[in-house]
Amino acid sequence: MTELPGLSTGLHLLWPTPIGIHRYDAAAAFNPLLVEELSSIREDQERQRGVEPGGPFFASDDDLLQRVKLDGWSRLVQFVVNGIAQTVEQVNLDHWAGRVRELTVSLEGLWFQAARDGAAHDVHTHGNCSWSGVYIVQIDPPSERTDHPVYGAANGVTRLYGPHFTTMGGAFVDVGNAYLQQSHLDVDQVAGQLLVFPSWLMHQAMAYGGARERVILSFNASIHGSEGDQMFDYAPR
């Protein structure tokens, strides 16, 4: 296995959590059309599943890549792929050290979720992929969303939990570990925004209530280099 370089005297911040934020320039025109298409897909899947239609929460099958036939869909998918690739390239550039010249982003699953009337998605991670993310299709504008009488600024946000979150229970608190006390980050929700994060990062969709249904696309992605995926030797040290 490749030896890590020694650390010099001074402060070192190890194992950061990279997050990518991107905005789709065609969202205002395309997203309303996509909402109609997803609504039709929801009706079909609710009928197939034999569930009561129009509930406060719905999650589709993860086959939207093949199911959506809307004009402009391929451009949105390409935007998502490009956003993933840009995030991955920026965070890995030094680690690749020129050994990855061509990148392939493989979407392993793409689905949508719809929420209203206080529906939420509990804390979870994603498996069988290295990166995941959320694209906001529809939600109340920030000025309306944050004015909710119960949920306030947390209304419908994507909440990300730091890697140290699971060790915080009963943790000793003083000024020395003040940098750890903010164990989560709420990502504001704006239609047309793409959030890309590592698949191991714990996250949840907070309870949402608004005039518009909260509709998002979620995805899992694996990343592959033209020279293969193995970056390090596996021989014992």
C-alpha atoms as a PDB file:
ATOM      1  CA  MET A   1       0.000   0.000   0.000  1.00  0.00           C
ATOM      2  CA  THR A   2       1.236   3.499  -0.811  1.00  0.00           C
ATOM      3  CA  GLU A   3       2.780   5.171   2.232  1.00  0.00           C
ATOM      4  CA  LEU A   4       1.210   8.432   3.325  1.00  0.00           C
ATOM      5  CA  PRO A   5       3.630  11.349   3.485  1.00  0.00           C
ATOM      6  CA  GLY A   6       4.797  12.406   6.920  1.00  0.00           C
ATOM      7  CA  LEU A   7       3.137  15.351   8.571  1.00  0.00           C
ATOM      8  CA  SER A   8       5.079  18.529   9.115  1.00  0.00           C
ATOM      9  CA  THR A   9       4.825  20.691  12.214  1.00  0.00           C
ATOM     10  CA  GLY A  10       1.605  22.689  12.353  1.00  0.00           C
ATOM     11  CA  LEU A  11      -2.140  22.248  11.995  1.00  0.00           C
ATOM     12  CA  HIS A  12      -3.554  19.621   9.639  1.00  0.00           C
ATOM     13  CA  LEU A  13      -7.248  19.198   8.821  1.00  0.00           C
ATOM     14  CA  LEU A  14      -7.764  15.550   7.870  1.00  0.00           C
ATOM     15  CA  TRP A  15     -10.598  13.780   6.020  1.00  0.00           C
ATOM     16  CA  PRO A  16     -12.823  16.679   4.996  1.00  0.00           C
ATOM     17  CA  THR A  17     -16.430  16.143   3.907  1.00  0.00           C
ATOM     18  CA  PRO A  18     -16.792  17.476   0.348  1.00  0.00           C
ATOM     19  CA  ILE A  19     -20.142  18.917  -0.725  1.00  0.00           C
ATOM     20  CA  GLY A  20     -20.995  20.200  -4.197  1.00  0.00           C
ATOM     21  CA  ILE A  21     -23.696  22.797  -4.966  1.00  0.00           C
ATOM     22  CA  HIS A  22     -24.742  23.506  -8.557  1.00  0.00           C
ATOM     23  CA  ARG A  23     -27.601  25.454 -10.183  1.00  0.00           C
ATOM     24  CA  TYR A  24     -29.454  24.439 -13.354  1.00  0.00           C
ATOM     25  CA  ASP A  25     -29.915  27.384 -15.710  1.00  0.00           C
ATOM     26  CA  ALA A  26     -33.003  25.913 -17.423  1.00  0.00           C
ATOM     27  CA  ALA A  27     -34.858  25.055 -14.201  1.00  0.00           C
ATOM     28  CA  ALA A  28     -37.494  27.801 -14.402  1.00  0.00           C
ATOM     29  CA  ALA A  29     -38.716  26.591 -17.790  1.00  0.00           C
ATOM     30  CA  PHE A  30     -38.194  22.845 -17.415  1.00  0.00           C
ATOM     31  CA  ASN A  31     -39.087  22.034 -13.801  1.00  0.00           C
ATOM     32  CA  PRO A  32     -42.847  22.737 -14.107  1.00  0.00           C
ATOM     33  CA  LEU A  33     -43.015  20.352 -17.055  1.00  0.00           C
ATOM     34  CA  LEU A  34     -41.101  17.752 -15.062  1.00  0.00           C
ATOM     35  CA  VAL A  35     -43.533  18.087 -12.134  1.00  0.00           C
ATOM     36  CA  GLU A  36     -46.405  17.161 -14.470  1.00  0.00           C
ATOM     37  CA  GLU A  37     -44.480  14.180 -15.853  1.00  0.00           C
ATOM     38  CA  LEU A  38     -43.583  12.929 -12.371  1.00  0.00           C
ATOM     39  CA  SER A  39     -47.181  13.351 -11.233  1.00  0.00           C
ATOM     40  CA  SER A  40     -48.294  11.045 -14.047  1.00  0.00           C
ATOM     41  CA  ILE A  41     -45.634   8.497 -13.104  1.00  0.00           C
ATOM     42  CA  ARG A  42     -46.787   8.661  -9.496  1.00  0.00           C
ATOM     43  CA  GLU A  43     -50.385   7.932 -10.467  1.00  0.00           C
ATOM     44  CA  ASP A  44     -49.299   4.871 -12.449  1.00  0.00           C
ATOM     45  CA  GLN A  45     -47.091   3.518  -9.661  1.00  0.00           C
ATOM     46  CA  GLU A  46     -49.666   4.127  -6.932  1.00  0.00           C
ATOM     47  CA  ARG A  47     -52.186   2.196  -9.018  1.00  0.00           C
ATOM     48  CA  GLN A  48     -49.684  -0.630  -9.594  1.00  0.00           C
ATOM     49  CA  ARG A  49     -48.823  -0.795  -5.894  1.00  0.00           C
ATOM     50  CA  GLY A  50     -52.463  -0.745  -4.852  1.00  0.00           C
ATOM     51  CA  VAL A  51     -51.975   2.127  -2.396  1.00  0.00           C
ATOM     52  CA  GLU A  52     -54.230   5.064  -1.588  1.00  0.00           C
ATOM     53  CA  PRO A  53     -53.388   7.816  -4.093  1.00  0.00           C
ATOM     54  CA  GLY A  54     -52.288  11.312  -3.131  1.00  0.00           C
ATOM     55  CA  GLY A  55     -50.753  10.637   0.273  1.00  0.00           C
ATOM     56  CA  PRO A  56     -48.434  13.135   1.979  1.00  0.00           C
ATOM     57  CA  PHE A  57     -45.288  11.202   0.991  1.00  0.00           C
ATOM     58  CA  PHE A  58     -44.344   9.260  -2.119  1.00  0.00           C
ATOM     59  CA  ALA A  59     -41.111   7.680  -3.360  1.00  0.00           C
ATOM     60  CA  SER A  60     -40.955   6.339  -6.902  1.00  0.00           C
ATOM     61  CA  ASP A  61     -39.078   3.361  -8.275  1.00  0.00           C
ATOM     62  CA  ASP A  62     -35.430   4.151  -9.082  1.00  0.00           C
ATOM     63  CA  ASP A  63     -35.786   3.751 -12.854  1.00  0.00           C
ATOM     64  CA  LEU A  64     -36.479   7.329 -13.929  1.00  0.00           C
ATOM     65  CA  LEU A  65     -33.602   7.250 -16.401  1.00  0.00           C
ATOM     66  CA  GLN A  66     -35.614   4.861 -18.547  1.00  0.00           C
ATOM     67  CA  ARG A  67     -39.120   5.962 -17.569  1.00  0.00           C
ATOM     68  CA  VAL A  68     -39.111   9.729 -18.197  1.00  0.00           C
ATOM     69  CA  LYS A  69     -39.642  10.593 -21.897  1.00  0.00           C
ATOM     70  CA  LEU A  70     -39.965  14.370 -21.586  1.00  0.00           C
ATOM     71  CA  ASP A  71     -38.178  16.676 -24.016  1.00  0.00           C
ATOM     72  CA  GLY A  72     -35.304  18.277 -22.127  1.00  0.00           C
ATOM     73  CA  TRP A  73     -34.912  15.335 -19.739  1.00  0.00           C
ATOM     74  CA  SER A  74     -31.598  14.254 -21.216  1.00  0.00           C
ATOM     75  CA  ARG A  75     -30.223  17.782 -20.731  1.00  0.00           C
ATOM     76  CA  LEU A  76     -31.156  17.754 -17.041  1.00  0.00           C
ATOM     77  CA  VAL A  77     -29.587  14.314 -16.593  1.00  0.00           C
ATOM     78  CA  GLN A  78     -26.416  15.579 -18.258  1.00  0.00           C
ATOM     79  CA  PHE A  79     -26.398  18.543 -15.863  1.00  0.00           C
ATOM     80  CA  VAL A  80     -26.595  16.130 -12.917  1.00  0.00           C
ATOM     81  CA  VAL A  81     -23.787  13.980 -14.342  1.00  0.00           C
ATOM     82  CA  ASN A  82     -21.629  17.055 -14.980  1.00  0.00           C
ATOM     83  CA  GLY A  83     -22.250  18.332 -11.457  1.00  0.00           C
ATOM     84  CA  ILE A  84     -21.178  15.012  -9.980  1.00  0.00           C
ATOM     85  CA  ALA A  85     -18.081  14.893 -12.195  1.00  0.00           C
ATOM     86  CA  GLN A  86     -17.033  18.458 -11.295  1.00  0.00           C
ATOM     87  CA  THR A  87     -17.396  17.763  -7.571  1.00  0.00           C
ATOM     88  CA  VAL A  88     -15.533  14.460  -7.782  1.00  0.00           C
ATOM     89  CA  GLU A  89     -12.718  15.896  -9.868  1.00  0.00           C
ATOM     90  CA  GLN A  90     -12.165  18.856  -7.541  1.00  0.00           C
ATOM     91  CA  VAL A  91     -11.969  16.752  -4.395  1.00  0.00           C
ATOM     92  CA  ASN A  92      -9.815  13.988  -5.915  1.00  0.00           C
ATOM     93  CA  LEU A  93      -7.446  15.966  -8.123  1.00  0.00           C
ATOM     94  CA  ASP A  94      -4.427  15.719  -5.812  1.00  0.00           C
ATOM     95  CA  HIS A  95      -5.134  12.076  -4.997  1.00  0.00           C
ATOM     96  CA  TRP A  96      -5.399  11.075  -8.648  1.00  0.00           C
ATOM     97  CA  ALA A  97      -2.043  12.725  -9.398  1.00  0.00           C
ATOM     98  CA  GLY A  98      -2.603  12.517 -13.141  1.00  0.00           C
ATOM     99  CA  ARG A  99      -3.471   8.806 -13.135  1.00  0.00           C
ATOM    100  CA  VAL A 100      -7.141   9.366 -14.050  1.00  0.00           C
ATOM    101  CA  ARG A 101      -7.469  10.969 -17.458  1.00  0.00           C
ATOM    102  CA  GLU A 102     -11.038  10.047 -18.425  1.00  0.00           C
ATOM    103  CA  LEU A 103     -13.936   9.802 -15.996  1.00  0.00           C
ATOM    104  CA  THR A 104     -17.185   7.847 -16.275  1.00  0.00           C
ATOM    105  CA  VAL A 105     -20.105   8.746 -14.017  1.00  0.00           C
ATOM    106  CA  SER A 106     -22.575   5.884 -13.760  1.00  0.00           C
ATOM    107  CA  LEU A 107     -25.998   6.677 -12.308  1.00  0.00           C
ATOM    108  CA  GLU A 108     -26.908   3.505 -10.416  1.00  0.00           C
ATOM    109  CA  GLY A 109     -30.391   4.733  -9.540  1.00  0.00           C
ATOM    110  CA  LEU A 110     -32.504   7.839 -10.077  1.00  0.00           C
ATOM    111  CA  TRP A 111     -35.883   8.342  -8.400  1.00  0.00           C
ATOM    112  CA  PHE A 112     -38.160  11.105  -7.139  1.00  0.00           C
ATOM    113  CA  GLN A 113     -39.815  11.874  -3.838  1.00  0.00           C
ATOM    114  CA  ALA A 114     -42.817  14.097  -3.108  1.00  0.00           C
ATOM    115  CA  ALA A 115     -43.692  15.425   0.351  1.00  0.00           C
ATOM    116  CA  ARG A 116     -46.265  17.720   1.958  1.00  0.00           C
ATOM    117  CA  ASP A 117     -48.317  18.132   5.171  1.00  0.00           C
ATOM    118  CA  GLY A 118     -45.363  17.490   7.496  1.00  0.00           C
ATOM    119  CA  ALA A 119     -43.923  14.453   5.706  1.00  0.00           C
ATOM    120  CA  ALA A 120     -40.213  13.788   6.275  1.00  0.00           C
ATOM    121  CA  HIS A 121     -37.496  11.252   5.431  1.00  0.00           C
ATOM    122  CA  ASP A 122     -35.551   9.986   8.444  1.00  0.00           C
ATOM    123  CA  VAL A 123     -31.751   9.889   8.854  1.00  0.00           C
ATOM    124  CA  HIS A 124     -30.073   7.491   6.409  1.00  0.00           C
ATOM    125  CA  THR A 125     -27.112   6.859   4.123  1.00  0.00           C
ATOM    126  CA  HIS A 126     -26.932   5.335   0.625  1.00  0.00           C
ATOM    127  CA  GLY A 127     -25.231   2.045  -0.224  1.00  0.00           C
ATOM    128  CA  ASN A 128     -23.708   0.501  -3.364  1.00  0.00           C
ATOM    129  CA  CYS A 129     -22.341   3.824  -4.640  1.00  0.00           C
ATOM    130  CA  SER A 130     -19.698   6.420  -3.795  1.00  0.00           C
ATOM    131  CA  TRP A 131     -21.717   9.608  -4.337  1.00  0.00           C
ATOM    132  CA  SER A 132     -25.347  10.603  -3.908  1.00  0.00           C
ATOM    133  CA  GLY A 133     -27.357  13.765  -4.256  1.00  0.00           C
ATOM    134  CA  VAL A 134     -30.595  15.701  -4.496  1.00  0.00           C
ATOM    135  CA  TYR A 135     -31.995  17.935  -7.235  1.00  0.00           C
ATOM    136  CA  ILE A 136     -34.835  20.256  -6.191  1.00  0.00           C
ATOM    137  CA  VAL A 137     -37.662  20.179  -8.734  1.00  0.00           C
ATOM    138  CA  GLN A 138     -40.305  22.096  -6.785  1.00  0.00           C
ATOM    139  CA  ILE A 139     -40.642  23.725  -3.341  1.00  0.00           C
ATOM    140  CA  ASP A 140     -41.981  26.960  -1.885  1.00  0.00           C
ATOM    141  CA  PRO A 141     -39.688  29.972  -2.429  1.00  0.00           C
ATOM    142  CA  PRO A 142     -37.365  30.593   0.548  1.00  0.00           C
ATOM    143  CA  SER A 143     -39.325  33.599   1.837  1.00  0.00           C
ATOM    144  CA  GLU A 144     -42.496  31.476   2.036  1.00  0.00           C
ATOM    145  CA  ARG A 145     -40.871  28.198   3.089  1.00  0.00           C
ATOM    146  CA  THR A 146     -39.069  29.642   6.118  1.00  0.00           C
ATOM    147  CA  ASP A 147     -42.210  31.455   7.275  1.00  0.00           C
ATOM    148  CA  HIS A 148     -43.867  28.195   8.361  1.00  0.00           C
ATOM    149  CA  PRO A 149     -45.353  28.662  11.870  1.00  0.00           C
ATOM    150  CA  VAL A 150     -43.991  25.336  13.156  1.00  0.00           C
ATOM    151  CA  TYR A 151     -40.950  24.302  11.090  1.00  0.00           C
ATOM    152  CA  GLY A 152     -39.515  27.765  10.441  1.00  0.00           C
ATOM    153  CA  ALA A 153     -36.125  27.870   8.714  1.00  0.00           C
ATOM    154  CA  ALA A 154     -35.828  24.052   8.858  1.00  0.00           C
ATOM    155  CA  ASN A 155     -38.964  23.582   6.770  1.00  0.00           C
ATOM    156  CA  GLY A 156     -38.172  20.951   4.133  1.00  0.00           C
ATOM    157  CA  VAL A 157     -34.395  21.403   4.201  1.00  0.00           C
ATOM    158  CA  THR A 158     -31.880  18.659   3.537  1.00  0.00           C
ATOM    159  CA  ARG A 159     -29.993  18.206   6.821  1.00  0.00           C
ATOM    160  CA  LEU A 160     -26.454  16.814   6.621  1.00  0.00           C
ATOM    161  CA  TYR A 161     -24.832  15.239   9.700  1.00  0.00           C
ATOM    162  CA  GLY A 162     -21.085  15.394  10.284  1.00  0.00           C
ATOM    163  CA  PRO A 163     -19.071  12.147  10.474  1.00  0.00           C
ATOM    164  CA  HIS A 164     -18.634  12.704  14.219  1.00  0.00           C
ATOM    165  CA  PHE A 165     -22.399  12.896  14.822  1.00  0.00           C
ATOM    166  CA  THR A 166     -22.742   9.319  16.073  1.00  0.00           C
ATOM    167  CA  THR A 167     -20.109   9.899  18.761  1.00  0.00           C
ATOM    168  CA  MET A 168     -21.687  13.067  20.148  1.00  0.00           C
ATOM    169  CA  GLY A 169     -24.127  11.368  22.543  1.00  0.00           C
ATOM    170  CA  GLY A 170     -22.923  12.163  26.058  1.00  0.00           C
ATOM    171  CA  ALA A 171     -19.816  13.867  24.720  1.00  0.00           C
ATOM    172  CA  PHE A 172     -17.968  16.210  27.058  1.00  0.00           C
ATOM    173  CA  VAL A 173     -18.400  19.849  26.028  1.00  0.00           C
ATOM    174  CA  ASP A 174     -15.967  22.667  26.689  1.00  0.00           C
ATOM    175  CA  VAL A 175     -14.375  25.466  24.687  1.00  0.00           C
ATOM    176  CA  GLY A 176     -11.701  23.073  23.427  1.00  0.00           C
ATOM    177  CA  ASN A 177     -14.093  21.151  21.212  1.00  0.00           C
ATOM    178  CA  ALA A 178     -16.326  24.055  20.207  1.00  0.00           C
ATOM    179  CA  TYR A 179     -15.508  23.265  16.558  1.00  0.00           C
ATOM    180  CA  LEU A 180     -17.420  19.974  16.931  1.00  0.00           C
ATOM    181  CA  GLN A 181     -20.605  21.285  18.493  1.00  0.00           C
ATOM    182  CA  GLN A 182     -22.286  22.165  15.194  1.00  0.00           C
ATOM    183  CA  SER A 183     -22.876  18.561  14.222  1.00  0.00           C
ATOM    184  CA  HIS A 184     -25.259  19.220  11.340  1.00  0.00           C
ATOM    185  CA  LEU A 185     -25.761  21.610   8.442  1.00  0.00           C
ATOM    186  CA  ASP A 186     -29.084  22.554   6.862  1.00  0.00           C
ATOM    187  CA  VAL A 187     -28.859  23.059   3.105  1.00  0.00           C
ATOM    188  CA  ASP A 188     -31.309  25.646   1.831  1.00  0.00           C
ATOM    189  CA  GLN A 189     -33.774  24.420  -0.767  1.00  0.00           C
ATOM    190  CA  VAL A 190     -34.154  26.300  -4.057  1.00  0.00           C
ATOM    191  CA  ALA A 191     -35.774  24.934  -7.204  1.00  0.00           C
ATOM    192  CA  GLY A 192     -33.049  24.057  -9.710  1.00  0.00           C
ATOM    193  CA  GLN A 193     -30.380  23.393  -7.075  1.00  0.00           C
ATOM    194  CA  LEU A 194     -28.253  20.250  -7.187  1.00  0.00           C
ATOM    195  CA  LEU A 195     -26.581  18.996  -4.010  1.00  0.00           C
ATOM    196  CA  VAL A 196     -23.844  16.354  -4.346  1.00  0.00           C
ATOM    197  CA  PHE A 197     -22.426  14.559  -1.291  1.00  0.00           C
ATOM    198  CA  PRO A 198     -20.545  11.351  -0.366  1.00  0.00           C
ATOM    199  CA  SER A 199     -22.876   8.368  -0.111  1.00  0.00           C
ATOM    200  CA  TRP A 200     -21.693   7.571   3.434  1.00  0.00           C
ATOM    201  CA  LEU A 201     -22.820  10.950   4.778  1.00  0.00           C
ATOM    202  CA  MET A 202     -25.850  10.726   7.067  1.00  0.00           C
ATOM    203  CA  HIS A 203     -28.668  13.010   5.977  1.00  0.00           C
ATOM    204  CA  GLN A 204     -32.400  13.480   6.145  1.00  0.00           C
ATOM    205  CA  ALA A 205     -35.222  15.495   4.619  1.00  0.00           C
ATOM    206  CA  MET A 206     -36.786  17.564   7.387  1.00  0.00           C
ATOM    207  CA  ALA A 207     -40.566  17.793   7.781  1.00  0.00           C
ATOM    208  CA  TYR A 208     -42.133  19.957   5.104  1.00  0.00           C
ATOM    209  CA  GLY A 209     -45.335  21.932   4.812  1.00  0.00           C
ATOM    210  CA  GLY A 210     -46.076  24.482   2.127  1.00  0.00           C
ATOM    211  CA  ALA A 211     -48.372  25.664  -0.610  1.00  0.00           C
ATOM    212  CA  ARG A 212     -46.357  23.689  -3.160  1.00  0.00           C
ATOM    213  CA  GLU A 213     -45.428  20.039  -2.799  1.00  0.00           C
ATOM    214  CA  ARG A 214     -41.729  19.414  -2.200  1.00  0.00           C
ATOM    215  CA  VAL A 215     -40.583  17.367  -5.216  1.00  0.00           C
ATOM    216  CA  ILE A 216     -36.974  16.205  -5.511  1.00  0.00           C
ATOM    217  CA  LEU A 217     -34.870  13.883  -7.617  1.00  0.00           C
ATOM    218  CA  SER A 218     -32.477  11.625  -5.704  1.00  0.00           C
ATOM    219  CA  PHE A 219     -29.668   9.576  -7.188  1.00  0.00           C
ATOM    220  CA  ASN A 220     -26.790   7.206  -6.524  1.00  0.00           C
ATOM    221  CA  ALA A 221     -23.620   7.303  -8.612  1.00  0.00           C
ATOM    222  CA  SER A 222     -20.445   5.302  -9.021  1.00  0.00           C
ATOM    223  CA  ILE A 223     -17.319   6.835 -10.555  1.00  0.00           C
ATOM    224  CA  HIS A 224     -14.872   4.964 -12.788  1.00  0.00           C
ATOM    225  CA  GLY A 225     -11.552   5.899 -14.387  1.00  0.00           C
ATOM    226  CA  SER A 226     -10.412   4.925 -17.862  1.00  0.00           C
ATOM    227  CA  GLU A 227      -7.435   3.043 -16.324  1.00  0.00           C
ATOM    228  CA  GLY A 228      -9.594   1.165 -13.823  1.00  0.00           C
ATOM    229  CA  ASP A 229     -10.694   1.876 -10.271  1.00  0.00           C
ATOM    230  CA  GLN A 230      -7.741   0.573  -8.241  1.00  0.00           C
ATOM    231  CA  MET A 231      -5.646   3.491  -7.006  1.00  0.00           C
ATOM    232  CA  PHE A 232      -3.532   1.750  -4.330  1.00  0.00           C
ATOM    233  CA  ASP A 233      -1.704  -1.546  -3.940  1.00  0.00           C
ATOM    234  CA  TYR A 234      -3.131  -4.062  -1.513  1.00  0.00           C
ATOM    235  CA  ALA A 235       0.151  -5.599  -0.362  1.00  0.00           C
ATOM    236  CA  PRO A 236       0.726  -5.554   3.428  1.00  0.00           C
ATOM    237  CA  ARG A 237       2.912  -2.798   4.798  1.00  0.00           C
END
